C-alpha atoms as a PDB file:
ATOM      1  CA  MET A   1      20.915 -38.471  98.409  1.00  0.00           C
ATOM      2  CA  SER A   2      18.990 -37.694  95.248  1.00  0.00           C
ATOM      3  CA  SER A   3      16.612 -34.876  94.686  1.00  0.00           C
ATOM      4  CA  ILE A   4      14.293 -33.866  91.908  1.00  0.00           C
ATOM      5  CA  HIS A   5      16.560 -30.878  91.212  1.00  0.00           C
ATOM      6  CA  ASN A   6      19.544 -33.107  90.373  1.00  0.00           C
ATOM      7  CA  LEU A   7      17.702 -34.928  87.596  1.00  0.00           C
ATOM      8  CA  GLU A   8      18.034 -34.020  83.941  1.00  0.00           C
ATOM      9  CA  PRO A   9      15.287 -31.475  83.110  1.00  0.00           C
ATOM     10  CA  ASN A  10      13.656 -33.849  80.638  1.00  0.00           C
ATOM     11  CA  ALA A  11      13.727 -36.757  83.126  1.00  0.00           C
ATOM     12  CA  VAL A  12      10.991 -35.213  85.274  1.00  0.00           C
ATOM     13  CA  PRO A  13       7.546 -35.952  83.798  1.00  0.00           C
ATOM     14  CA  ARG A  14       5.866 -32.813  82.459  1.00  0.00           C
ATOM     15  CA  ILE A  15       2.137 -32.214  82.875  1.00  0.00           C
ATOM     16  CA  LEU A  16       0.240 -29.510  81.029  1.00  0.00           C
ATOM     17  CA  ILE A  17      -2.984 -28.431  82.758  1.00  0.00           C
ATOM     18  CA  VAL A  18      -5.709 -26.489  80.965  1.00  0.00           C
ATOM     19  CA  GLU A  19      -8.433 -25.341  83.360  1.00  0.00           C
ATOM     20  CA  ASP A  20     -10.359 -22.065  83.326  1.00  0.00           C
ATOM     21  CA  ASP A  21     -11.387 -22.149  87.006  1.00  0.00           C
ATOM     22  CA  PRO A  22      -8.534 -20.452  88.927  1.00  0.00           C
ATOM     23  CA  GLY A  23      -9.107 -22.454  92.119  1.00  0.00           C
ATOM     24  CA  VAL A  24      -9.127 -25.833  90.381  1.00  0.00           C
ATOM     25  CA  ARG A  25      -6.177 -24.820  88.194  1.00  0.00           C
ATOM     26  CA  ARG A  26      -4.101 -23.809  91.230  1.00  0.00           C
ATOM     27  CA  SER A  27      -5.078 -26.953  93.157  1.00  0.00           C
ATOM     28  CA  LEU A  28      -4.022 -29.208  90.281  1.00  0.00           C
ATOM     29  CA  LEU A  29      -0.764 -27.324  89.851  1.00  0.00           C
ATOM     30  CA  LEU A  30       0.061 -27.695  93.558  1.00  0.00           C
ATOM     31  CA  LEU A  31      -0.997 -31.364  93.589  1.00  0.00           C
ATOM     32  CA  PHE A  32       1.248 -32.296  90.674  1.00  0.00           C
ATOM     33  CA  GLN A  33       4.189 -30.170  91.772  1.00  0.00           C
ATOM     34  CA  GLY A  34       3.889 -31.604  95.274  1.00  0.00           C
ATOM     35  CA  ARG A  35       4.291 -35.091  93.792  1.00  0.00           C
ATOM     36  CA  GLY A  36       7.424 -34.053  91.904  1.00  0.00           C
ATOM     37  CA  TYR A  37       5.977 -33.500  88.443  1.00  0.00           C
ATOM     38  CA  TYR A  38       7.000 -30.486  86.401  1.00  0.00           C
ATOM     39  CA  ALA A  39       3.561 -28.961  85.882  1.00  0.00           C
ATOM     40  CA  LYS A  40       2.449 -25.908  83.982  1.00  0.00           C
ATOM     41  CA  ALA A  41      -1.086 -24.509  83.799  1.00  0.00           C
ATOM     42  CA  HIS A  42      -3.053 -22.354  81.401  1.00  0.00           C
ATOM     43  CA  SER A  43      -6.535 -20.903  81.664  1.00  0.00           C
ATOM     44  CA  THR A  44      -7.335 -20.892  77.945  1.00  0.00           C
ATOM     45  CA  ALA A  45      -7.100 -23.284  75.025  1.00  0.00           C
ATOM     46  CA  ASP A  46      -5.253 -20.687  72.944  1.00  0.00           C
ATOM     47  CA  ALA A  47      -2.517 -20.234  75.564  1.00  0.00           C
ATOM     48  CA  ALA A  48      -2.094 -23.995  75.967  1.00  0.00           C
ATOM     49  CA  LEU A  49      -1.916 -24.530  72.217  1.00  0.00           C
ATOM     50  CA  ALA A  50       0.687 -21.775  71.862  1.00  0.00           C
ATOM     51  CA  ASP A  51       2.839 -23.265  74.652  1.00  0.00           C
ATOM     52  CA  ALA A  52       2.460 -27.003  74.070  1.00  0.00           C
ATOM     53  CA  GLY A  53       5.240 -27.292  71.493  1.00  0.00           C
ATOM     54  CA  ALA A  54       7.828 -25.545  73.645  1.00  0.00           C
ATOM     55  CA  PHE A  55       6.742 -27.220  76.886  1.00  0.00           C
ATOM     56  CA  ASN A  56       6.616 -30.697  75.302  1.00  0.00           C
ATOM     57  CA  PRO A  57       4.275 -32.286  77.885  1.00  0.00           C
ATOM     58  CA  ASP A  58       4.306 -35.971  78.787  1.00  0.00           C
ATOM     59  CA  CYS A  59       0.664 -35.816  79.901  1.00  0.00           C
ATOM     60  CA  LEU A  60      -2.256 -33.442  79.416  1.00  0.00           C
ATOM     61  CA  VAL A  61      -5.014 -32.710  81.936  1.00  0.00           C
ATOM     62  CA  ILE A  62      -7.710 -30.696  80.184  1.00  0.00           C
ATOM     63  CA  ASP A  63     -11.035 -29.343  81.416  1.00  0.00           C
ATOM     64  CA  TYR A  64     -13.994 -29.932  79.129  1.00  0.00           C
ATOM     65  CA  GLN A  65     -15.694 -26.552  79.508  1.00  0.00           C
ATOM     66  CA  LEU A  66     -13.219 -23.790  78.700  1.00  0.00           C
ATOM     67  CA  GLY A  67     -14.189 -20.154  78.330  1.00  0.00           C
ATOM     68  CA  SER A  68     -13.634 -19.873  74.598  1.00  0.00           C
ATOM     69  CA  GLY A  69     -14.037 -23.488  73.576  1.00  0.00           C
ATOM     70  CA  ASN A  70     -13.874 -26.961  75.004  1.00  0.00           C
ATOM     71  CA  GLY A  71     -11.381 -29.688  75.757  1.00  0.00           C
ATOM     72  CA  ILE A  72     -12.415 -31.840  72.804  1.00  0.00           C
ATOM     73  CA  GLY A  73     -11.657 -29.021  70.378  1.00  0.00           C
ATOM     74  CA  LEU A  74      -8.359 -28.389  72.142  1.00  0.00           C
ATOM     75  CA  ILE A  75      -7.190 -32.007  72.008  1.00  0.00           C
ATOM     76  CA  SER A  76      -7.984 -32.078  68.290  1.00  0.00           C
ATOM     77  CA  ALA A  77      -5.896 -28.936  67.747  1.00  0.00           C
ATOM     78  CA  LEU A  78      -3.045 -30.290  69.883  1.00  0.00           C
ATOM     79  CA  ARG A  79      -3.012 -33.584  67.965  1.00  0.00           C
ATOM     80  CA  PHE A  80      -3.014 -31.673  64.664  1.00  0.00           C
ATOM     81  CA  ALA A  81      -0.033 -29.667  65.963  1.00  0.00           C
ATOM     82  CA  GLY A  82       1.853 -32.896  66.694  1.00  0.00           C
ATOM     83  CA  CYS A  83       1.320 -33.315  70.434  1.00  0.00           C
ATOM     84  CA  SER A  84       0.867 -37.024  71.119  1.00  0.00           C
ATOM     85  CA  ALA A  85       0.964 -36.965  74.935  1.00  0.00           C
ATOM     86  CA  PRO A  86      -1.727 -39.038  76.649  1.00  0.00           C
ATOM     87  CA  ALA A  87      -4.622 -36.884  77.784  1.00  0.00           C
ATOM     88  CA  ILE A  88      -7.149 -36.880  80.610  1.00  0.00           C
ATOM     89  CA  LEU A  89     -10.388 -34.913  80.340  1.00  0.00           C
ATOM     90  CA  ILE A  90     -11.928 -33.483  83.508  1.00  0.00           C
ATOM     91  CA  SER A  91     -15.498 -32.248  83.598  1.00  0.00           C
ATOM     92  CA  ALA A  92     -18.329 -31.147  85.824  1.00  0.00           C
ATOM     93  CA  PHE A  93     -20.682 -32.150  83.006  1.00  0.00           C
ATOM     94  CA  GLY A  94     -19.969 -35.880  82.699  1.00  0.00           C
ATOM     95  CA  SER A  95     -22.285 -38.038  80.609  1.00  0.00           C
ATOM     96  CA  ALA A  96     -22.129 -41.174  78.498  1.00  0.00           C
ATOM     97  CA  ASP A  97     -22.210 -39.000  75.372  1.00  0.00           C
ATOM     98  CA  LEU A  98     -19.288 -36.889  76.579  1.00  0.00           C
ATOM     99  CA  ALA A  99     -17.301 -40.011  77.482  1.00  0.00           C
ATOM    100  CA  GLN A 100     -17.866 -41.400  73.988  1.00  0.00           C
ATOM    101  CA  ARG A 101     -16.880 -38.132  72.284  1.00  0.00           C
ATOM    102  CA  ALA A 102     -13.833 -37.755  74.537  1.00  0.00           C
ATOM    103  CA  GLY A 103     -12.634 -41.272  73.737  1.00  0.00           C
ATOM    104  CA  ALA A 104     -13.145 -40.714  70.012  1.00  0.00           C
ATOM    105  CA  ALA A 105     -11.171 -37.459  70.222  1.00  0.00           C
ATOM    106  CA  GLY A 106      -8.208 -39.193  71.847  1.00  0.00           C
ATOM    107  CA  PHE A 107      -8.626 -38.810  75.597  1.00  0.00           C
ATOM    108  CA  ALA A 108      -7.320 -41.843  77.482  1.00  0.00           C
ATOM    109  CA  GLN A 109      -9.550 -41.209  80.499  1.00  0.00           C
ATOM    110  CA  ILE A 110     -12.266 -38.888  81.750  1.00  0.00           C
ATOM    111  CA  PHE A 111     -12.775 -37.812  85.354  1.00  0.00           C
ATOM    112  CA  ASP A 112     -15.834 -36.129  86.805  1.00  0.00           C
ATOM    113  CA  LYS A 113     -15.512 -33.193  89.173  1.00  0.00           C
ATOM    114  CA  PRO A 114     -15.101 -33.027  92.040  1.00  0.00           C
ATOM    115  CA  LEU A 115     -11.809 -34.768  91.370  1.00  0.00           C
ATOM    116  CA  ARG A 116     -10.363 -37.439  93.624  1.00  0.00           C
ATOM    117  CA  ALA A 117      -6.651 -36.721  93.807  1.00  0.00           C
ATOM    118  CA  HIS A 118      -5.533 -40.302  94.402  1.00  0.00           C
ATOM    119  CA  ARG A 119      -7.439 -41.592  91.358  1.00  0.00           C
ATOM    120  CA  LEU A 120      -6.139 -38.809  89.119  1.00  0.00           C
ATOM    121  CA  LEU A 121      -2.550 -39.379  90.265  1.00  0.00           C
ATOM    122  CA  ALA A 122      -2.879 -43.138  89.734  1.00  0.00           C
ATOM    123  CA  ALA A 123      -4.195 -42.561  86.210  1.00  0.00           C
ATOM    124  CA  ILE A 124      -1.310 -40.231  85.373  1.00  0.00           C
ATOM    125  CA  SER A 125       1.233 -42.677  86.773  1.00  0.00           C
ATOM    126  CA  SER A 126      -0.301 -45.453  84.700  1.00  0.00           C
ATOM    127  CA  LEU A 127      -0.339 -43.358  81.529  1.00  0.00           C
ATOM    128  CA  LEU A 128       3.267 -42.280  81.994  1.00  0.00           C
ATOM    129  CA  GLY A 129       4.560 -45.785  82.782  1.00  0.00           C
ATOM    130  CA  GLU A 130       8.355 -45.830  83.037  1.00  0.00           C
ATOM    131  CA  LYS A 131       8.589 -42.035  82.907  1.00  0.00           C
ATOM    132  CA  SER A 132       6.712 -41.733  86.220  1.00  0.00           C
ATOM    133  CA  ARG A 133       9.091 -44.130  87.981  1.00  0.00           C
ATOM    134  CA  VAL A 134      11.756 -41.413  88.139  1.00  0.00           C
ATOM    135  CA  LEU A 135       9.651 -39.803  90.888  1.00  0.00           C
ATOM    136  CA  GLN A 136       9.382 -42.957  92.983  1.00  0.00           C
ATOM    137  CA  GLY A 137      13.105 -43.025  93.779  1.00  0.00           C
ATOM    138  CA  ARG A 138      13.501 -39.417  94.893  1.00  0.00           C
ATOM    139  CA  SER A 139      14.055 -38.455  98.486  1.00  0.00           C
END
C-alpha cells in the first residue's frame, strides 16, 4: 500500500500560493494539501520571492491584488529570479485588460473569485502533466 509519505520528497508536486486574504489563503492551502500536493502559502510578494528559490515550486497560484504590490509584478520578479513554474493568477477584479496583461506577463491561466475548486484543480493537473500523476496512484 503506497502513501504520499513514502514518495521521494521531490516526487510530490509543489504549489506555492501567494494570497493576502487569510481565509482564501488557508482554504487554498487546505484544498491543495487535501489532494496530496505539497503546498506552501505566503501573504506577501516579498515573502514568496524570498522563499521561491528554496521551495522550488512546480506551480504558482498568485492573487492579483496583494497588499504591497500585485501578482503581475510578482511573476515578473519570480521569472527574473529564475522561477519557470507555470502560474495561475486569481483575482476578484477580472477584466479583459487584466487577462491580456496576465498572459503577457507569463500567467498560463486566470481565474476569477470566487474560485471553483474543481476548475482550479483541473487547471493545475493539466499544467503539471506527468508530475501530477504521482497523486493519482496514492491510496
